[in-house]
Amino acid sequence: MSTTLPPQPGGDTDVAAPVPVVRDSGGGTSLWKDAFRRLRKNPQAIAGAVIVGLFLLVALLAPLLARYGGEELPGRTYITPTHIPGFGEVDGFPLGLDRFGGDLLSKLIWGAQASLVIGVISTAIGLAGGLLLGIIAGGFGGKIDNVIMRCVDILLSVPNLLLAVSIAAILGQGAFAVMIAIGVAQVPIFARLLRSSMISQRSADYMLAAQTLGLSRGAIIINHQLPNSLGPVIVQATLTLATAVIDAAALSFLGLGGGRPQTAEWGRMLTYAQAELGIAPQLAFLPGLCIAITALGFTLLGESLREALDPKTRAK
């Protein structure tokens, strides 16, 4: 694109001088692209992602990383009533043995897989139930909304862990009961969060445009209102994974996790390490450290994602 300049004084002819046009190559970015860009610059998010990534790798590659199975007891002959081998005391067992004669390192690796399975499935159960209740309450409102939210308020009045313990006690011992208990305890949190997010979207311009086009309420809710309300719920799901890992360990610690005593699961390892705190404190310290670091990773990542999606922080 060019513009013709006026004739220069004293010149015989008119000269067309090109004038460069500066074009704005920038463009708008989506909410999630902008959030990802902010996460890449956040040290807290990077630290959380590294921890979560390592946890996932260890859990998924447990059959390759662990030298022994989760319930194998290769070191039973080294255990005495007054001594449990610790770090490097027995060749082939770098972290030592547990009270049953199992390889402590292998048990920790298999425990990561057990925590991942319980955490993911229980979070999926809570998310599915919360989405169902939240969509009905936030999308349709009215008396249905009032009934659902009063039930949610009742559930929220009970401490989360206490509710999970009560449900697990009713269902009986076992990993499946633990997952159901933790998932059901998380349902009211997701339901209330999604309902609030959907209500805040009711007055948005795209909602008015969809209504003007004559779309049915169900189509508007599923195709427009729900997708734009899922951001806070996804963030909460990340944070709930940290809570699920802790709750699973707590239920196993209380004896509700089922399984055999030597089964590799961090909470169960803590339970049976109490009697040996005086002679083998690493049996309690290492599983507790794994639980704390894993929960910290999910918490850091979830909080960073919450900040990245927050309109107030994005405007800065």
C-alpha atoms as a PDB file:
ATOM      1  CA  MET A   1       0.000   0.000   0.000  1.00  0.00           C
ATOM      2  CA  SER A   2       1.454   3.407  -0.894  1.00  0.00           C
ATOM      3  CA  THR A   3       0.543   7.055  -0.730  1.00  0.00           C
ATOM      4  CA  THR A   4       1.537   9.751  -3.297  1.00  0.00           C
ATOM      5  CA  LEU A   5       3.390  12.668  -1.765  1.00  0.00           C
ATOM      6  CA  PRO A   6       2.735  16.208  -2.997  1.00  0.00           C
ATOM      7  CA  PRO A   7       5.220  17.632  -5.557  1.00  0.00           C
ATOM      8  CA  GLN A   8       8.540  18.644  -4.042  1.00  0.00           C
ATOM      9  CA  PRO A   9       9.498  22.314  -4.365  1.00  0.00           C
ATOM     10  CA  GLY A  10      11.729  22.956  -7.361  1.00  0.00           C
ATOM     11  CA  GLY A  11      11.133  19.533  -8.861  1.00  0.00           C
ATOM     12  CA  ASP A  12      10.245  18.973 -12.504  1.00  0.00           C
ATOM     13  CA  THR A  13       8.002  15.951 -11.949  1.00  0.00           C
ATOM     14  CA  ASP A  14       5.834  14.445  -9.248  1.00  0.00           C
ATOM     15  CA  VAL A  15       7.480  11.554  -7.377  1.00  0.00           C
ATOM     16  CA  ALA A  16       5.417   8.765  -5.814  1.00  0.00           C
ATOM     17  CA  ALA A  17       7.222   7.830  -2.600  1.00  0.00           C
ATOM     18  CA  PRO A  18       6.119   4.604  -0.923  1.00  0.00           C
ATOM     19  CA  VAL A  19       5.041   4.950   2.675  1.00  0.00           C
ATOM     20  CA  PRO A  20       5.236   1.694   4.720  1.00  0.00           C
ATOM     21  CA  VAL A  21       2.064   0.617   6.413  1.00  0.00           C
ATOM     22  CA  VAL A  22       2.409  -0.953   9.856  1.00  0.00           C
ATOM     23  CA  ARG A  23      -0.007  -3.799  10.294  1.00  0.00           C
ATOM     24  CA  ASP A  24      -1.104  -5.092  13.699  1.00  0.00           C
ATOM     25  CA  SER A  25      -0.249  -8.771  13.661  1.00  0.00           C
ATOM     26  CA  GLY A  26      -1.514  -9.325  17.155  1.00  0.00           C
ATOM     27  CA  GLY A  27      -4.743 -11.154  17.764  1.00  0.00           C
ATOM     28  CA  GLY A  28      -6.973 -12.128  20.600  1.00  0.00           C
ATOM     29  CA  THR A  29      -6.153 -15.298  22.493  1.00  0.00           C
ATOM     30  CA  SER A  30      -8.529 -17.771  24.041  1.00  0.00           C
ATOM     31  CA  LEU A  31      -8.975 -18.064  27.784  1.00  0.00           C
ATOM     32  CA  TRP A  32      -7.076 -21.356  28.016  1.00  0.00           C
ATOM     33  CA  LYS A  33      -4.211 -20.212  25.759  1.00  0.00           C
ATOM     34  CA  ASP A  34      -3.767 -17.121  27.887  1.00  0.00           C
ATOM     35  CA  ALA A  35      -3.877 -19.238  31.046  1.00  0.00           C
ATOM     36  CA  PHE A  36      -1.245 -21.616  29.666  1.00  0.00           C
ATOM     37  CA  ARG A  37       1.001 -18.682  28.772  1.00  0.00           C
ATOM     38  CA  ARG A  38       0.737 -17.370  32.336  1.00  0.00           C
ATOM     39  CA  LEU A  39       1.374 -20.817  33.804  1.00  0.00           C
ATOM     40  CA  ARG A  40       4.628 -21.155  31.854  1.00  0.00           C
ATOM     41  CA  LYS A  41       5.914 -17.999  33.531  1.00  0.00           C
ATOM     42  CA  ASN A  42       4.810 -18.981  37.040  1.00  0.00           C
ATOM     43  CA  PRO A  43       7.516 -20.771  39.098  1.00  0.00           C
ATOM     44  CA  GLN A  44       4.849 -22.148  41.427  1.00  0.00           C
ATOM     45  CA  ALA A  45       2.999 -23.722  38.505  1.00  0.00           C
ATOM     46  CA  ILE A  46       6.220 -25.177  37.093  1.00  0.00           C
ATOM     47  CA  ALA A  47       7.137 -26.716  40.450  1.00  0.00           C
ATOM     48  CA  GLY A  48       3.661 -28.213  40.809  1.00  0.00           C
ATOM     49  CA  ALA A  49       3.707 -29.569  37.255  1.00  0.00           C
ATOM     50  CA  VAL A  50       7.117 -31.199  37.814  1.00  0.00           C
ATOM     51  CA  ILE A  51       5.934 -32.895  41.015  1.00  0.00           C
ATOM     52  CA  VAL A  52       2.692 -34.082  39.423  1.00  0.00           C
ATOM     53  CA  GLY A  53       4.547 -35.262  36.316  1.00  0.00           C
ATOM     54  CA  LEU A  54       7.026 -37.301  38.372  1.00  0.00           C
ATOM     55  CA  PHE A  55       4.188 -38.775  40.415  1.00  0.00           C
ATOM     56  CA  LEU A  56       2.342 -39.816  37.264  1.00  0.00           C
ATOM     57  CA  LEU A  57       5.475 -41.325  35.719  1.00  0.00           C
ATOM     58  CA  VAL A  58       6.263 -43.356  38.837  1.00  0.00           C
ATOM     59  CA  ALA A  59       2.669 -44.537  39.153  1.00  0.00           C
ATOM     60  CA  LEU A  60       2.268 -45.498  35.500  1.00  0.00           C
ATOM     61  CA  LEU A  61       5.704 -47.135  35.224  1.00  0.00           C
ATOM     62  CA  ALA A  62       5.505 -48.945  38.562  1.00  0.00           C
ATOM     63  CA  PRO A  63       5.774 -52.431  36.974  1.00  0.00           C
ATOM     64  CA  LEU A  64       9.039 -51.369  35.329  1.00  0.00           C
ATOM     65  CA  LEU A  65      10.513 -49.326  38.204  1.00  0.00           C
ATOM     66  CA  ALA A  66       9.700 -51.624  41.119  1.00  0.00           C
ATOM     67  CA  ARG A  67      12.068 -54.544  41.585  1.00  0.00           C
ATOM     68  CA  TYR A  68       9.505 -56.561  43.533  1.00  0.00           C
ATOM     69  CA  GLY A  69       5.731 -56.841  43.505  1.00  0.00           C
ATOM     70  CA  GLY A  70       3.528 -54.874  45.842  1.00  0.00           C
ATOM     71  CA  GLU A  71       2.932 -57.826  48.160  1.00  0.00           C
ATOM     72  CA  GLU A  72       6.215 -59.717  47.736  1.00  0.00           C
ATOM     73  CA  LEU A  73       8.285 -60.290  50.894  1.00  0.00           C
ATOM     74  CA  PRO A  74      11.815 -61.018  49.668  1.00  0.00           C
ATOM     75  CA  GLY A  75      13.557 -59.929  52.882  1.00  0.00           C
ATOM     76  CA  ARG A  76      11.656 -61.843  55.554  1.00  0.00           C
ATOM     77  CA  THR A  77      14.803 -63.589  56.756  1.00  0.00           C
ATOM     78  CA  TYR A  78      16.421 -60.240  57.671  1.00  0.00           C
ATOM     79  CA  ILE A  79      13.645 -59.149  60.047  1.00  0.00           C
ATOM     80  CA  THR A  80      14.028 -59.649  63.796  1.00  0.00           C
ATOM     81  CA  PRO A  81      11.766 -58.524  66.659  1.00  0.00           C
ATOM     82  CA  THR A  82      14.266 -55.825  67.614  1.00  0.00           C
ATOM     83  CA  HIS A  83      15.718 -54.781  64.272  1.00  0.00           C
ATOM     84  CA  ILE A  84      14.398 -53.874  60.826  1.00  0.00           C
ATOM     85  CA  PRO A  85      17.133 -53.130  58.261  1.00  0.00           C
ATOM     86  CA  GLY A  86      17.222 -49.511  57.119  1.00  0.00           C
ATOM     87  CA  PHE A  87      18.982 -47.543  54.387  1.00  0.00           C
ATOM     88  CA  GLY A  88      21.608 -49.656  52.625  1.00  0.00           C
ATOM     89  CA  GLU A  89      21.961 -52.218  55.411  1.00  0.00           C
ATOM     90  CA  VAL A  90      21.065 -55.106  53.111  1.00  0.00           C
ATOM     91  CA  ASP A  91      22.285 -55.434  49.540  1.00  0.00           C
ATOM     92  CA  GLY A  92      19.497 -55.055  47.000  1.00  0.00           C
ATOM     93  CA  PHE A  93      17.258 -53.005  49.307  1.00  0.00           C
ATOM     94  CA  PRO A  94      18.446 -49.374  49.091  1.00  0.00           C
ATOM     95  CA  LEU A  95      15.750 -47.978  51.420  1.00  0.00           C
ATOM     96  CA  GLY A  96      15.617 -51.022  53.659  1.00  0.00           C
ATOM     97  CA  LEU A  97      12.721 -53.331  54.506  1.00  0.00           C
ATOM     98  CA  ASP A  98       9.355 -52.979  56.178  1.00  0.00           C
ATOM     99  CA  ARG A  99       8.113 -54.987  59.160  1.00  0.00           C
ATOM    100  CA  PHE A 100       6.865 -57.802  56.905  1.00  0.00           C
ATOM    101  CA  GLY A 101      10.105 -58.143  54.921  1.00  0.00           C
ATOM    102  CA  GLY A 102       8.999 -56.244  51.822  1.00  0.00           C
ATOM    103  CA  ASP A 103      11.283 -53.932  49.851  1.00  0.00           C
ATOM    104  CA  LEU A 104      10.434 -50.428  51.065  1.00  0.00           C
ATOM    105  CA  LEU A 105      11.363 -48.763  47.760  1.00  0.00           C
ATOM    106  CA  SER A 106       9.142 -51.099  45.756  1.00  0.00           C
ATOM    107  CA  LYS A 107       6.289 -50.591  48.215  1.00  0.00           C
ATOM    108  CA  LEU A 108       6.536 -46.803  47.833  1.00  0.00           C
ATOM    109  CA  ILE A 109       6.471 -47.090  44.040  1.00  0.00           C
ATOM    110  CA  TRP A 110       3.426 -49.368  44.046  1.00  0.00           C
ATOM    111  CA  GLY A 111       1.821 -47.085  46.617  1.00  0.00           C
ATOM    112  CA  ALA A 112       2.027 -44.226  44.109  1.00  0.00           C
ATOM    113  CA  GLN A 113       0.035 -46.287  41.628  1.00  0.00           C
ATOM    114  CA  ALA A 114      -2.600 -47.142  44.242  1.00  0.00           C
ATOM    115  CA  SER A 115      -2.923 -43.473  45.241  1.00  0.00           C
ATOM    116  CA  LEU A 116      -3.247 -42.413  41.597  1.00  0.00           C
ATOM    117  CA  VAL A 117      -6.010 -44.930  40.870  1.00  0.00           C
ATOM    118  CA  ILE A 118      -7.968 -44.031  43.996  1.00  0.00           C
ATOM    119  CA  GLY A 119      -7.491 -40.302  43.480  1.00  0.00           C
ATOM    120  CA  VAL A 120      -8.513 -40.268  39.812  1.00  0.00           C
ATOM    121  CA  ILE A 121     -11.526 -42.564  40.147  1.00  0.00           C
ATOM    122  CA  SER A 122     -12.858 -40.895  43.300  1.00  0.00           C
ATOM    123  CA  THR A 123     -12.451 -37.443  41.718  1.00  0.00           C
ATOM    124  CA  ALA A 124     -14.236 -38.662  38.586  1.00  0.00           C
ATOM    125  CA  ILE A 125     -17.127 -39.932  40.724  1.00  0.00           C
ATOM    126  CA  GLY A 126     -17.394 -36.636  42.592  1.00  0.00           C
ATOM    127  CA  LEU A 127     -17.097 -34.645  39.375  1.00  0.00           C
ATOM    128  CA  ALA A 128     -19.797 -36.656  37.595  1.00  0.00           C
ATOM    129  CA  GLY A 129     -22.249 -36.338  40.480  1.00  0.00           C
ATOM    130  CA  GLY A 130     -21.462 -32.660  40.990  1.00  0.00           C
ATOM    131  CA  LEU A 131     -21.886 -31.885  37.279  1.00  0.00           C
ATOM    132  CA  LEU A 132     -25.270 -33.570  37.201  1.00  0.00           C
ATOM    133  CA  LEU A 133     -26.610 -31.689  40.225  1.00  0.00           C
ATOM    134  CA  GLY A 134     -24.957 -28.417  39.215  1.00  0.00           C
ATOM    135  CA  ILE A 135     -26.388 -28.507  35.691  1.00  0.00           C
ATOM    136  CA  ILE A 136     -29.912 -29.152  36.952  1.00  0.00           C
ATOM    137  CA  ALA A 137     -29.735 -26.520  39.693  1.00  0.00           C
ATOM    138  CA  GLY A 138     -27.842 -23.820  37.802  1.00  0.00           C
ATOM    139  CA  GLY A 139     -29.473 -24.375  34.432  1.00  0.00           C
ATOM    140  CA  PHE A 140     -33.124 -24.638  35.367  1.00  0.00           C
ATOM    141  CA  GLY A 141     -33.361 -22.909  38.775  1.00  0.00           C
ATOM    142  CA  GLY A 142     -36.672 -22.573  40.574  1.00  0.00           C
ATOM    143  CA  LYS A 143     -37.897 -25.130  43.089  1.00  0.00           C
ATOM    144  CA  ILE A 144     -35.524 -27.790  41.773  1.00  0.00           C
ATOM    145  CA  ASP A 145     -32.605 -25.494  42.495  1.00  0.00           C
ATOM    146  CA  ASN A 146     -33.842 -24.855  46.036  1.00  0.00           C
ATOM    147  CA  VAL A 147     -34.282 -28.553  46.828  1.00  0.00           C
ATOM    148  CA  ILE A 148     -30.880 -29.554  45.428  1.00  0.00           C
ATOM    149  CA  MET A 149     -29.024 -26.729  47.144  1.00  0.00           C
ATOM    150  CA  ARG A 150     -30.616 -27.446  50.520  1.00  0.00           C
ATOM    151  CA  CYS A 151     -29.445 -31.058  50.234  1.00  0.00           C
ATOM    152  CA  VAL A 152     -25.996 -29.828  49.218  1.00  0.00           C
ATOM    153  CA  ASP A 153     -25.919 -27.481  52.225  1.00  0.00           C
ATOM    154  CA  ILE A 154     -26.675 -30.392  54.524  1.00  0.00           C
ATOM    155  CA  LEU A 155     -23.804 -32.418  53.076  1.00  0.00           C
ATOM    156  CA  LEU A 156     -21.443 -29.444  53.243  1.00  0.00           C
ATOM    157  CA  SER A 157     -22.248 -29.004  56.944  1.00  0.00           C
ATOM    158  CA  VAL A 158     -20.524 -32.332  57.625  1.00  0.00           C
ATOM    159  CA  PRO A 159     -16.688 -32.273  57.512  1.00  0.00           C
ATOM    160  CA  ASN A 160     -15.431 -33.850  54.308  1.00  0.00           C
ATOM    161  CA  LEU A 161     -13.301 -36.578  55.900  1.00  0.00           C
ATOM    162  CA  LEU A 162     -15.986 -37.438  58.459  1.00  0.00           C
ATOM    163  CA  LEU A 163     -18.528 -37.856  55.668  1.00  0.00           C
ATOM    164  CA  ALA A 164     -16.116 -40.102  53.751  1.00  0.00           C
ATOM    165  CA  VAL A 165     -15.444 -42.200  56.853  1.00  0.00           C
ATOM    166  CA  SER A 166     -19.188 -42.614  57.465  1.00  0.00           C
ATOM    167  CA  ILE A 167     -19.848 -43.716  53.883  1.00  0.00           C
ATOM    168  CA  ALA A 168     -16.878 -46.100  53.858  1.00  0.00           C
ATOM    169  CA  ALA A 169     -18.029 -47.626  57.152  1.00  0.00           C
ATOM    170  CA  ILE A 170     -21.468 -48.283  55.639  1.00  0.00           C
ATOM    171  CA  LEU A 171     -20.114 -49.754  52.403  1.00  0.00           C
ATOM    172  CA  GLY A 172     -17.507 -51.891  54.148  1.00  0.00           C
ATOM    173  CA  GLN A 173     -13.758 -52.259  53.737  1.00  0.00           C
ATOM    174  CA  GLY A 174     -12.042 -52.248  50.380  1.00  0.00           C
ATOM    175  CA  ALA A 175     -10.538 -49.964  47.752  1.00  0.00           C
ATOM    176  CA  PHE A 176     -13.864 -49.688  45.907  1.00  0.00           C
ATOM    177  CA  ALA A 177     -15.628 -48.512  49.065  1.00  0.00           C
ATOM    178  CA  VAL A 178     -12.892 -45.927  49.642  1.00  0.00           C
ATOM    179  CA  MET A 179     -13.256 -44.540  46.126  1.00  0.00           C
ATOM    180  CA  ILE A 180     -17.041 -44.332  46.417  1.00  0.00           C
ATOM    181  CA  ALA A 181     -16.802 -42.674  49.844  1.00  0.00           C
ATOM    182  CA  ILE A 182     -14.286 -40.038  48.764  1.00  0.00           C
ATOM    183  CA  GLY A 183     -16.151 -39.368  45.514  1.00  0.00           C
ATOM    184  CA  VAL A 184     -19.542 -38.919  47.173  1.00  0.00           C
ATOM    185  CA  ALA A 185     -18.003 -36.589  49.765  1.00  0.00           C
ATOM    186  CA  GLN A 186     -16.759 -34.356  46.907  1.00  0.00           C
ATOM    187  CA  VAL A 187     -20.099 -34.176  45.052  1.00  0.00           C
ATOM    188  CA  PRO A 188     -21.554 -31.169  46.957  1.00  0.00           C
ATOM    189  CA  ILE A 189     -18.385 -29.123  46.370  1.00  0.00           C
ATOM    190  CA  PHE A 190     -18.544 -29.578  42.584  1.00  0.00           C
ATOM    191  CA  ALA A 191     -22.319 -29.099  42.526  1.00  0.00           C
ATOM    192  CA  ARG A 192     -22.275 -25.757  44.336  1.00  0.00           C
ATOM    193  CA  LEU A 193     -19.301 -24.484  42.333  1.00  0.00           C
ATOM    194  CA  LEU A 194     -20.846 -25.349  38.955  1.00  0.00           C
ATOM    195  CA  ARG A 195     -24.219 -23.914  39.957  1.00  0.00           C
ATOM    196  CA  SER A 196     -22.627 -20.600  40.950  1.00  0.00           C
ATOM    197  CA  SER A 197     -20.626 -20.466  37.743  1.00  0.00           C
ATOM    198  CA  MET A 198     -23.685 -21.194  35.582  1.00  0.00           C
ATOM    199  CA  ILE A 199     -25.786 -18.576  37.358  1.00  0.00           C
ATOM    200  CA  SER A 200     -23.097 -15.961  36.685  1.00  0.00           C
ATOM    201  CA  GLN A 201     -23.356 -16.790  32.951  1.00  0.00           C
ATOM    202  CA  ARG A 202     -27.121 -16.226  32.671  1.00  0.00           C
ATOM    203  CA  SER A 203     -26.835 -12.525  31.810  1.00  0.00           C
ATOM    204  CA  ALA A 204     -23.973 -12.947  29.335  1.00  0.00           C
ATOM    205  CA  ASP A 205     -24.442 -11.619  25.811  1.00  0.00           C
ATOM    206  CA  TYR A 206     -24.123 -15.036  24.188  1.00  0.00           C
ATOM    207  CA  MET A 207     -26.979 -16.322  26.370  1.00  0.00           C
ATOM    208  CA  LEU A 208     -29.245 -13.475  25.210  1.00  0.00           C
ATOM    209  CA  ALA A 209     -28.229 -14.114  21.606  1.00  0.00           C
ATOM    210  CA  ALA A 210     -29.027 -17.831  21.902  1.00  0.00           C
ATOM    211  CA  GLN A 211     -32.430 -17.059  23.385  1.00  0.00           C
ATOM    212  CA  THR A 212     -33.130 -14.581  20.589  1.00  0.00           C
ATOM    213  CA  LEU A 213     -32.379 -17.289  18.019  1.00  0.00           C
ATOM    214  CA  GLY A 214     -35.083 -19.423  19.601  1.00  0.00           C
ATOM    215  CA  LEU A 215     -32.885 -22.235  20.909  1.00  0.00           C
ATOM    216  CA  SER A 216     -34.417 -24.500  23.528  1.00  0.00           C
ATOM    217  CA  ARG A 217     -33.333 -24.179  27.154  1.00  0.00           C
ATOM    218  CA  GLY A 218     -31.671 -27.590  27.092  1.00  0.00           C
ATOM    219  CA  ALA A 219     -29.656 -26.723  23.991  1.00  0.00           C
ATOM    220  CA  ILE A 220     -28.566 -23.402  25.478  1.00  0.00           C
ATOM    221  CA  ILE A 221     -27.476 -25.059  28.732  1.00  0.00           C
ATOM    222  CA  ILE A 222     -25.541 -27.928  27.150  1.00  0.00           C
ATOM    223  CA  ASN A 223     -24.017 -26.144  24.156  1.00  0.00           C
ATOM    224  CA  HIS A 224     -23.380 -22.666  25.556  1.00  0.00           C
ATOM    225  CA  GLN A 225     -23.848 -22.160  29.303  1.00  0.00           C
ATOM    226  CA  LEU A 226     -22.140 -25.342  30.522  1.00  0.00           C
ATOM    227  CA  PRO A 227     -18.919 -25.113  28.439  1.00  0.00           C
ATOM    228  CA  ASN A 228     -18.389 -21.518  29.585  1.00  0.00           C
ATOM    229  CA  SER A 229     -18.900 -22.492  33.231  1.00  0.00           C
ATOM    230  CA  LEU A 230     -16.442 -25.394  33.471  1.00  0.00           C
ATOM    231  CA  GLY A 231     -13.266 -23.384  34.136  1.00  0.00           C
ATOM    232  CA  PRO A 232     -13.635 -23.148  37.946  1.00  0.00           C
ATOM    233  CA  VAL A 233     -14.771 -26.785  38.090  1.00  0.00           C
ATOM    234  CA  ILE A 234     -11.657 -28.012  36.281  1.00  0.00           C
ATOM    235  CA  VAL A 235      -9.482 -26.046  38.691  1.00  0.00           C
ATOM    236  CA  GLN A 236     -11.343 -27.542  41.640  1.00  0.00           C
ATOM    237  CA  ALA A 237     -10.864 -31.034  40.213  1.00  0.00           C
ATOM    238  CA  THR A 238      -7.098 -30.485  40.247  1.00  0.00           C
ATOM    239  CA  LEU A 239      -7.232 -29.409  43.881  1.00  0.00           C
ATOM    240  CA  THR A 240      -9.561 -32.289  44.734  1.00  0.00           C
ATOM    241  CA  LEU A 241      -6.969 -34.785  43.514  1.00  0.00           C
ATOM    242  CA  ALA A 242      -4.691 -33.596  46.314  1.00  0.00           C
ATOM    243  CA  THR A 243      -7.493 -33.979  48.846  1.00  0.00           C
ATOM    244  CA  ALA A 244      -8.368 -37.421  47.477  1.00  0.00           C
ATOM    245  CA  VAL A 245      -4.802 -38.674  47.957  1.00  0.00           C
ATOM    246  CA  ILE A 246      -4.823 -37.467  51.571  1.00  0.00           C
ATOM    247  CA  ASP A 247      -8.315 -38.850  52.254  1.00  0.00           C
ATOM    248  CA  ALA A 248      -7.404 -42.232  50.766  1.00  0.00           C
ATOM    249  CA  ALA A 249      -4.365 -42.429  53.027  1.00  0.00           C
ATOM    250  CA  ALA A 250      -6.488 -41.389  56.014  1.00  0.00           C
ATOM    251  CA  LEU A 251      -9.140 -44.039  55.359  1.00  0.00           C
ATOM    252  CA  SER A 252      -6.475 -46.714  54.934  1.00  0.00           C
ATOM    253  CA  PHE A 253      -4.798 -45.487  58.107  1.00  0.00           C
ATOM    254  CA  LEU A 254      -8.112 -45.967  59.923  1.00  0.00           C
ATOM    255  CA  GLY A 255      -8.364 -49.521  58.625  1.00  0.00           C
ATOM    256  CA  LEU A 256     -11.122 -48.921  56.044  1.00  0.00           C
ATOM    257  CA  GLY A 257      -8.975 -49.512  52.982  1.00  0.00           C
ATOM    258  CA  GLY A 258      -9.189 -53.294  53.094  1.00  0.00           C
ATOM    259  CA  GLY A 259      -6.490 -55.450  51.540  1.00  0.00           C
ATOM    260  CA  ARG A 260      -3.776 -57.490  53.203  1.00  0.00           C
ATOM    261  CA  PRO A 261      -1.478 -55.900  55.806  1.00  0.00           C
ATOM    262  CA  GLN A 262       1.540 -56.088  53.486  1.00  0.00           C
ATOM    263  CA  THR A 263      -0.317 -54.511  50.520  1.00  0.00           C
ATOM    264  CA  ALA A 264       1.564 -51.512  49.139  1.00  0.00           C
ATOM    265  CA  GLU A 265      -0.499 -48.405  49.898  1.00  0.00           C
ATOM    266  CA  TRP A 266       0.857 -45.310  51.609  1.00  0.00           C
ATOM    267  CA  GLY A 267      -1.877 -44.997  54.230  1.00  0.00           C
ATOM    268  CA  ARG A 268      -1.679 -48.688  55.136  1.00  0.00           C
ATOM    269  CA  MET A 269       2.111 -48.424  55.386  1.00  0.00           C
ATOM    270  CA  LEU A 270       1.679 -45.618  57.909  1.00  0.00           C
ATOM    271  CA  THR A 271      -0.732 -47.734  59.926  1.00  0.00           C
ATOM    272  CA  TYR A 272       1.664 -50.641  60.366  1.00  0.00           C
ATOM    273  CA  ALA A 273       4.678 -48.387  60.901  1.00  0.00           C
ATOM    274  CA  GLN A 274       3.379 -47.075  64.248  1.00  0.00           C
ATOM    275  CA  ALA A 275       4.629 -50.056  66.225  1.00  0.00           C
ATOM    276  CA  GLU A 276       8.174 -49.656  64.843  1.00  0.00           C
ATOM    277  CA  LEU A 277       8.644 -45.892  65.217  1.00  0.00           C
ATOM    278  CA  GLY A 278      11.347 -46.455  67.810  1.00  0.00           C
ATOM    279  CA  ILE A 279      13.480 -48.860  65.771  1.00  0.00           C
ATOM    280  CA  ALA A 280      12.573 -47.927  62.170  1.00  0.00           C
ATOM    281  CA  PRO A 281      11.189 -44.377  61.885  1.00  0.00           C
ATOM    282  CA  GLN A 282      11.751 -44.383  58.123  1.00  0.00           C
ATOM    283  CA  LEU A 283       8.770 -46.705  57.745  1.00  0.00           C
ATOM    284  CA  ALA A 284       6.487 -43.835  58.734  1.00  0.00           C
ATOM    285  CA  PHE A 285       8.583 -40.927  57.482  1.00  0.00           C
ATOM    286  CA  LEU A 286       8.922 -42.020  53.833  1.00  0.00           C
ATOM    287  CA  PRO A 287       5.236 -42.803  53.099  1.00  0.00           C
ATOM    288  CA  GLY A 288       4.230 -39.609  54.901  1.00  0.00           C
ATOM    289  CA  LEU A 289       6.723 -37.642  52.829  1.00  0.00           C
ATOM    290  CA  CYS A 290       5.332 -39.149  49.605  1.00  0.00           C
ATOM    291  CA  ILE A 291       1.789 -38.191  50.591  1.00  0.00           C
ATOM    292  CA  ALA A 292       2.827 -34.646  51.503  1.00  0.00           C
ATOM    293  CA  ILE A 293       4.851 -34.032  48.325  1.00  0.00           C
ATOM    294  CA  THR A 294       2.137 -35.429  46.053  1.00  0.00           C
ATOM    295  CA  ALA A 295      -0.573 -33.328  47.690  1.00  0.00           C
ATOM    296  CA  LEU A 296       1.712 -30.284  47.493  1.00  0.00           C
ATOM    297  CA  GLY A 297       2.239 -30.786  43.757  1.00  0.00           C
ATOM    298  CA  PHE A 298      -1.472 -30.950  42.965  1.00  0.00           C
ATOM    299  CA  THR A 299      -2.155 -27.984  45.250  1.00  0.00           C
ATOM    300  CA  LEU A 300       0.516 -25.803  43.650  1.00  0.00           C
ATOM    301  CA  LEU A 301      -0.705 -26.659  40.162  1.00  0.00           C
ATOM    302  CA  GLY A 302      -4.357 -26.138  41.057  1.00  0.00           C
ATOM    303  CA  GLU A 303      -3.799 -22.800  42.773  1.00  0.00           C
ATOM    304  CA  SER A 304      -1.676 -21.574  39.875  1.00  0.00           C
ATOM    305  CA  LEU A 305      -4.378 -22.586  37.418  1.00  0.00           C
ATOM    306  CA  ARG A 306      -6.958 -20.780  39.521  1.00  0.00           C
ATOM    307  CA  GLU A 307      -4.897 -17.586  39.412  1.00  0.00           C
ATOM    308  CA  ALA A 308      -4.291 -17.931  35.669  1.00  0.00           C
ATOM    309  CA  LEU A 309      -8.027 -18.192  34.996  1.00  0.00           C
ATOM    310  CA  ASP A 310      -8.999 -15.405  37.404  1.00  0.00           C
ATOM    311  CA  PRO A 311     -10.106 -12.305  35.436  1.00  0.00           C
ATOM    312  CA  LYS A 312      -8.686 -10.002  38.113  1.00  0.00           C
ATOM    313  CA  THR A 313      -5.159 -11.418  37.800  1.00  0.00           C
ATOM    314  CA  ARG A 314      -5.356 -11.712  34.002  1.00  0.00           C
ATOM    315  CA  ALA A 315      -6.029  -7.990  33.756  1.00  0.00           C
ATOM    316  CA  LYS A 316      -2.740  -7.131  35.440  1.00  0.00           C
END
